Amino acid sequence: MVRLTLLLLLVAAPLRAQEEVDLELVLLADASGSIDDAEIALQRRGYAEAMADPEVLWAIANGGATGRIAVAYVEWASAASQDVVVDWMIVEGAASAAEFGRRLLAPPRRTFGSNAIGSALLTGLELIEANGFEGWRKVIDLSADSSWNPQGPPIAAAREAVTAAGVTINGLAILCRATACSGRPRGGDLEAEFERQMIGGPGAFVVTAEDAPSFMLAVRRKLILEIADLGG
């Protein structure tokens, strides 16, 4: 009788509720062969500083019902070379933002190879679907210095899978080199390529990092737009 009672209690018990946040955010940072170590450091430092910025922290505290977000940071390159540098963690104030920065800046670079943007997007989707959080909004934030996709699934198919799952894709167009940044590269319109091929979903937008000194400012603006849901 006792065993039967315990069994009934286990069957009747609800599944463990997922942890609620205002935003589930995957930061997909370009770490392909065209990105040198100085640019890797630039991107990491830019995100670490931006996450701890008072305006970003204000947006987190006031951007939704819970006053916190869940964040993961991934460096991507080839289809076989993608690294979760910072696994899912809650950011809800200055202390947790500083911890995000510490985790981000500490590890060595572990990602190399050619571009696989479609693979990166699907990795972001997998991380969101398995993270144990329940966000009011779900966003993948893709940074890249080109739209070249020589391997892995097509970008269009990956974008369709991501947006069909209710996840928005925003973009950060990187138009410079950390070591010799001179403004926009010749040829092509990277922002237009982001809009045509990569971003998608409700409120999707692209922000441009024009040069190395403005990178953190671009990241800060993008984070505020995402956290406060003020995108396109």
Protein backbone atom coordinates (compact mmCIF):
# COMPACT_ATOMS: atom_id res chain seq x y z
CA MET A 1 0.00 0.00 0.00
CA VAL A 2 2.86 2.38 0.86
CA ARG A 3 4.58 1.57 -2.43
CA LEU A 4 1.36 2.22 -4.33
CA THR A 5 0.91 5.57 -2.59
CA LEU A 6 4.48 6.63 -3.40
CA LEU A 7 4.03 5.57 -7.02
CA LEU A 8 0.84 7.58 -7.32
CA LEU A 9 2.56 10.63 -5.82
CA LEU A 10 5.44 10.35 -8.28
CA VAL A 11 3.08 10.00 -11.23
CA ALA A 12 0.98 12.94 -10.07
CA ALA A 13 3.95 15.22 -9.34
CA PRO A 14 4.40 17.96 -11.95
CA LEU A 15 7.56 18.13 -14.00
CA ARG A 16 10.14 20.51 -12.57
CA ALA A 17 9.29 23.98 -13.79
CA GLN A 18 11.83 25.70 -15.98
CA GLU A 19 13.51 28.77 -14.53
CA GLU A 20 11.81 31.92 -15.79
CA VAL A 21 13.77 34.79 -17.34
CA ASP A 22 12.88 37.77 -19.48
CA LEU A 23 15.25 36.80 -22.29
CA GLU A 24 17.21 33.75 -23.43
CA LEU A 25 20.17 35.15 -25.38
CA VAL A 26 22.81 33.20 -27.32
CA LEU A 27 25.76 35.32 -28.43
CA LEU A 28 27.34 33.71 -31.51
CA ALA A 29 30.73 35.35 -32.06
CA ASP A 30 32.65 34.94 -35.31
CA ALA A 31 35.92 33.08 -34.64
CA SER A 32 36.57 31.81 -38.16
CA GLY A 33 39.88 31.97 -39.99
CA SER A 34 39.39 35.60 -41.00
CA ILE A 35 39.27 36.62 -37.34
CA ASP A 36 42.71 36.92 -35.76
CA ASP A 37 43.52 36.58 -32.07
CA ALA A 38 43.42 40.34 -31.57
CA GLU A 39 39.85 40.40 -32.90
CA ILE A 40 38.86 37.49 -30.67
CA ALA A 41 40.11 39.52 -27.72
CA LEU A 42 38.32 42.62 -29.04
CA GLN A 43 35.00 40.80 -29.27
CA ARG A 44 35.31 39.19 -25.85
CA ARG A 45 36.37 42.41 -24.18
CA GLY A 46 33.60 44.33 -25.94
CA TYR A 47 30.92 41.93 -24.71
CA ALA A 48 32.37 41.77 -21.20
CA GLU A 49 32.44 45.56 -20.89
CA ALA A 50 29.05 46.04 -22.51
CA MET A 51 27.33 43.50 -20.26
CA ALA A 52 28.60 45.38 -17.19
CA ASP A 53 27.64 48.80 -18.55
CA PRO A 54 25.16 50.68 -16.29
CA GLU A 55 22.73 51.25 -19.17
CA VAL A 56 22.69 47.54 -20.02
CA LEU A 57 22.20 46.64 -16.36
CA TRP A 58 19.33 49.12 -16.17
CA ALA A 59 17.75 47.50 -19.23
CA ILE A 60 18.06 44.07 -17.60
CA ALA A 61 16.50 45.28 -14.34
CA ASN A 62 13.64 47.10 -16.08
CA GLY A 63 13.17 45.22 -19.34
CA GLY A 64 10.72 42.59 -18.18
CA ALA A 65 8.86 40.85 -15.39
CA THR A 66 11.79 39.01 -13.79
CA GLY A 67 14.62 41.55 -14.10
CA ARG A 68 17.07 38.94 -15.34
CA ILE A 69 18.28 37.28 -18.51
CA ALA A 70 19.96 33.97 -19.38
CA VAL A 71 23.06 34.27 -21.57
CA ALA A 72 25.45 31.91 -23.36
CA TYR A 73 28.49 32.92 -25.45
CA VAL A 74 29.64 30.74 -28.35
CA GLU A 75 32.57 31.21 -30.71
CA TRP A 76 31.91 29.67 -34.11
CA ALA A 77 33.97 28.80 -37.17
CA SER A 78 33.69 25.59 -39.23
CA ALA A 79 30.87 23.09 -38.84
CA ALA A 80 33.14 21.00 -36.60
CA SER A 81 34.63 23.89 -34.64
CA GLN A 82 32.19 25.66 -32.32
CA ASP A 83 32.99 26.38 -28.70
CA VAL A 84 30.65 27.30 -25.84
CA VAL A 85 32.98 29.74 -24.10
CA VAL A 86 30.40 30.75 -21.48
CA ASP A 87 27.66 28.22 -20.84
CA TRP A 88 24.22 29.37 -19.75
CA MET A 89 24.20 31.69 -16.76
CA ILE A 90 21.84 34.24 -15.24
CA VAL A 91 22.75 37.92 -15.44
CA GLU A 92 20.66 40.02 -13.06
CA GLY A 93 22.96 42.72 -11.73
CA ALA A 94 26.50 44.03 -11.48
CA ALA A 95 27.93 40.96 -9.73
CA SER A 96 26.61 38.43 -12.23
CA ALA A 97 27.57 40.69 -15.15
CA ALA A 98 31.12 40.84 -13.80
CA GLU A 99 31.13 37.05 -13.45
CA PHE A 100 30.02 36.74 -17.09
CA GLY A 101 32.98 38.89 -18.08
CA ARG A 102 35.39 36.85 -15.98
CA ARG A 103 34.24 33.60 -17.57
CA LEU A 104 34.40 35.12 -21.03
CA LEU A 105 37.89 36.58 -20.81
CA ALA A 106 39.61 33.63 -19.11
CA PRO A 107 39.63 30.72 -21.62
CA PRO A 108 42.02 30.47 -24.57
CA ARG A 109 40.77 30.49 -28.14
CA ARG A 110 39.65 26.99 -29.16
CA THR A 111 37.89 27.66 -32.46
CA PHE A 112 39.42 27.77 -35.93
CA GLY A 113 38.52 27.02 -39.55
CA SER A 114 36.28 28.29 -42.28
CA ASN A 115 32.76 29.73 -42.06
CA ALA A 116 29.71 27.63 -41.25
CA ILE A 117 27.05 30.21 -40.44
CA GLY A 118 24.18 27.74 -40.84
CA SER A 119 25.82 25.36 -38.37
CA ALA A 120 26.33 28.21 -35.91
CA LEU A 121 22.66 29.19 -36.06
CA LEU A 122 21.55 25.60 -35.47
CA THR A 123 23.96 25.32 -32.54
CA GLY A 124 22.34 28.40 -31.04
CA LEU A 125 18.90 26.86 -31.48
CA GLU A 126 20.00 23.60 -29.83
CA LEU A 127 21.38 25.52 -26.87
CA ILE A 128 18.11 27.40 -26.41
CA GLU A 129 15.97 24.28 -26.67
CA ALA A 130 18.00 22.41 -24.03
CA ASN A 131 18.86 25.17 -21.55
CA GLY A 132 16.33 24.64 -18.75
CA PHE A 133 15.10 28.25 -18.88
CA GLU A 134 11.77 29.65 -19.99
CA GLY A 135 12.17 33.12 -21.44
CA TRP A 136 9.50 35.54 -22.53
CA ARG A 137 11.70 36.06 -25.58
CA LYS A 138 14.43 34.00 -27.24
CA VAL A 139 17.19 35.59 -29.32
CA ILE A 140 20.26 34.42 -31.20
CA ASP A 141 22.75 37.20 -31.78
CA LEU A 142 25.12 36.46 -34.68
CA SER A 143 28.31 38.42 -35.31
CA ALA A 144 30.16 37.96 -38.60
CA ASP A 145 32.52 39.79 -40.94
CA SER A 146 31.02 38.21 -44.09
CA SER A 147 28.06 36.16 -45.31
CA TRP A 148 30.30 33.47 -46.83
CA ASN A 149 29.05 29.98 -45.93
CA PRO A 150 31.19 27.35 -47.70
CA GLN A 151 30.27 24.43 -45.43
CA GLY A 152 27.49 23.14 -43.23
CA PRO A 153 23.77 23.62 -43.87
CA PRO A 154 22.56 26.53 -46.02
CA ILE A 155 21.94 29.73 -44.10
CA ALA A 156 18.37 29.93 -45.42
CA ALA A 157 17.45 26.48 -44.08
CA ALA A 158 19.03 27.20 -40.69
CA ARG A 159 17.32 30.57 -40.44
CA GLU A 160 13.97 28.97 -41.26
CA ALA A 161 14.45 26.34 -38.53
CA VAL A 162 15.41 28.96 -35.95
CA THR A 163 12.59 31.39 -36.68
CA ALA A 164 10.04 28.55 -36.95
CA ALA A 165 10.94 27.71 -33.34
CA GLY A 166 10.00 31.24 -32.26
CA VAL A 167 13.58 32.47 -31.95
CA THR A 168 14.66 35.85 -33.34
CA ILE A 169 18.04 36.23 -35.07
CA ASN A 170 19.77 39.60 -34.74
CA GLY A 171 23.10 40.53 -36.29
CA LEU A 172 26.32 42.36 -35.55
CA ALA A 173 28.14 43.25 -38.77
CA ILE A 174 31.90 43.54 -38.15
CA LEU A 175 33.41 45.92 -40.69
CA CYS A 176 36.91 46.25 -39.33
CA ARG A 177 40.11 44.57 -38.24
CA ALA A 178 41.31 45.06 -34.68
CA THR A 179 44.92 45.51 -35.78
CA ALA A 180 44.37 47.78 -38.81
CA CYS A 181 40.88 49.14 -38.76
CA SER A 182 40.12 51.68 -41.46
CA GLY A 183 36.36 51.75 -41.68
CA ARG A 184 34.16 49.90 -44.13
CA PRO A 185 35.76 47.22 -46.31
CA ARG A 186 35.70 47.62 -50.07
CA GLY A 187 32.97 45.87 -51.98
CA GLY A 188 29.69 44.47 -50.77
CA ASP A 189 27.23 45.74 -48.24
CA LEU A 190 27.49 43.52 -45.18
CA GLU A 191 24.49 45.06 -43.43
CA ALA A 192 22.34 44.32 -46.49
CA GLU A 193 23.64 40.74 -46.56
CA PHE A 194 22.66 40.31 -42.91
CA GLU A 195 19.17 41.61 -43.66
CA ARG A 196 18.81 39.47 -46.78
CA GLN A 197 20.28 36.20 -45.56
CA MET A 198 20.77 35.97 -41.83
CA ILE A 199 18.50 37.93 -39.50
CA GLY A 200 14.86 37.01 -39.02
CA GLY A 201 11.94 36.79 -36.64
CA PRO A 202 9.94 39.44 -34.77
CA GLY A 203 11.83 42.71 -34.34
CA ALA A 204 15.02 41.41 -36.00
CA PHE A 205 17.73 44.00 -36.63
CA VAL A 206 21.42 44.41 -37.46
CA VAL A 207 23.92 46.71 -35.73
CA THR A 208 27.26 47.64 -37.29
CA ALA A 209 30.68 47.79 -35.65
CA GLU A 210 32.38 50.37 -37.86
CA ASP A 211 35.84 50.14 -36.28
CA ALA A 212 37.70 48.78 -33.28
CA PRO A 213 37.17 51.78 -30.96
CA SER A 214 33.41 51.70 -31.53
CA PHE A 215 32.99 47.94 -31.09
CA MET A 216 31.94 48.04 -27.43
CA LEU A 217 29.52 50.88 -28.15
CA ALA A 218 27.92 48.84 -30.94
CA VAL A 219 27.61 45.82 -28.66
CA ARG A 220 26.15 47.93 -25.85
CA ARG A 221 23.55 49.42 -28.19
CA LYS A 222 22.66 45.98 -29.50
CA LEU A 223 22.28 44.48 -26.03
CA ILE A 224 20.05 47.33 -24.89
CA LEU A 225 17.83 46.92 -27.96
CA GLU A 226 17.59 43.16 -27.40
CA ILE A 227 17.01 43.26 -23.67
CA ALA A 228 14.47 46.08 -23.85
CA ASP A 229 12.83 44.53 -26.95
CA LEU A 230 13.34 47.69 -29.01
CA GLY A 231 14.56 46.08 -32.22
CA GLY A 232 13.29 46.55 -35.73
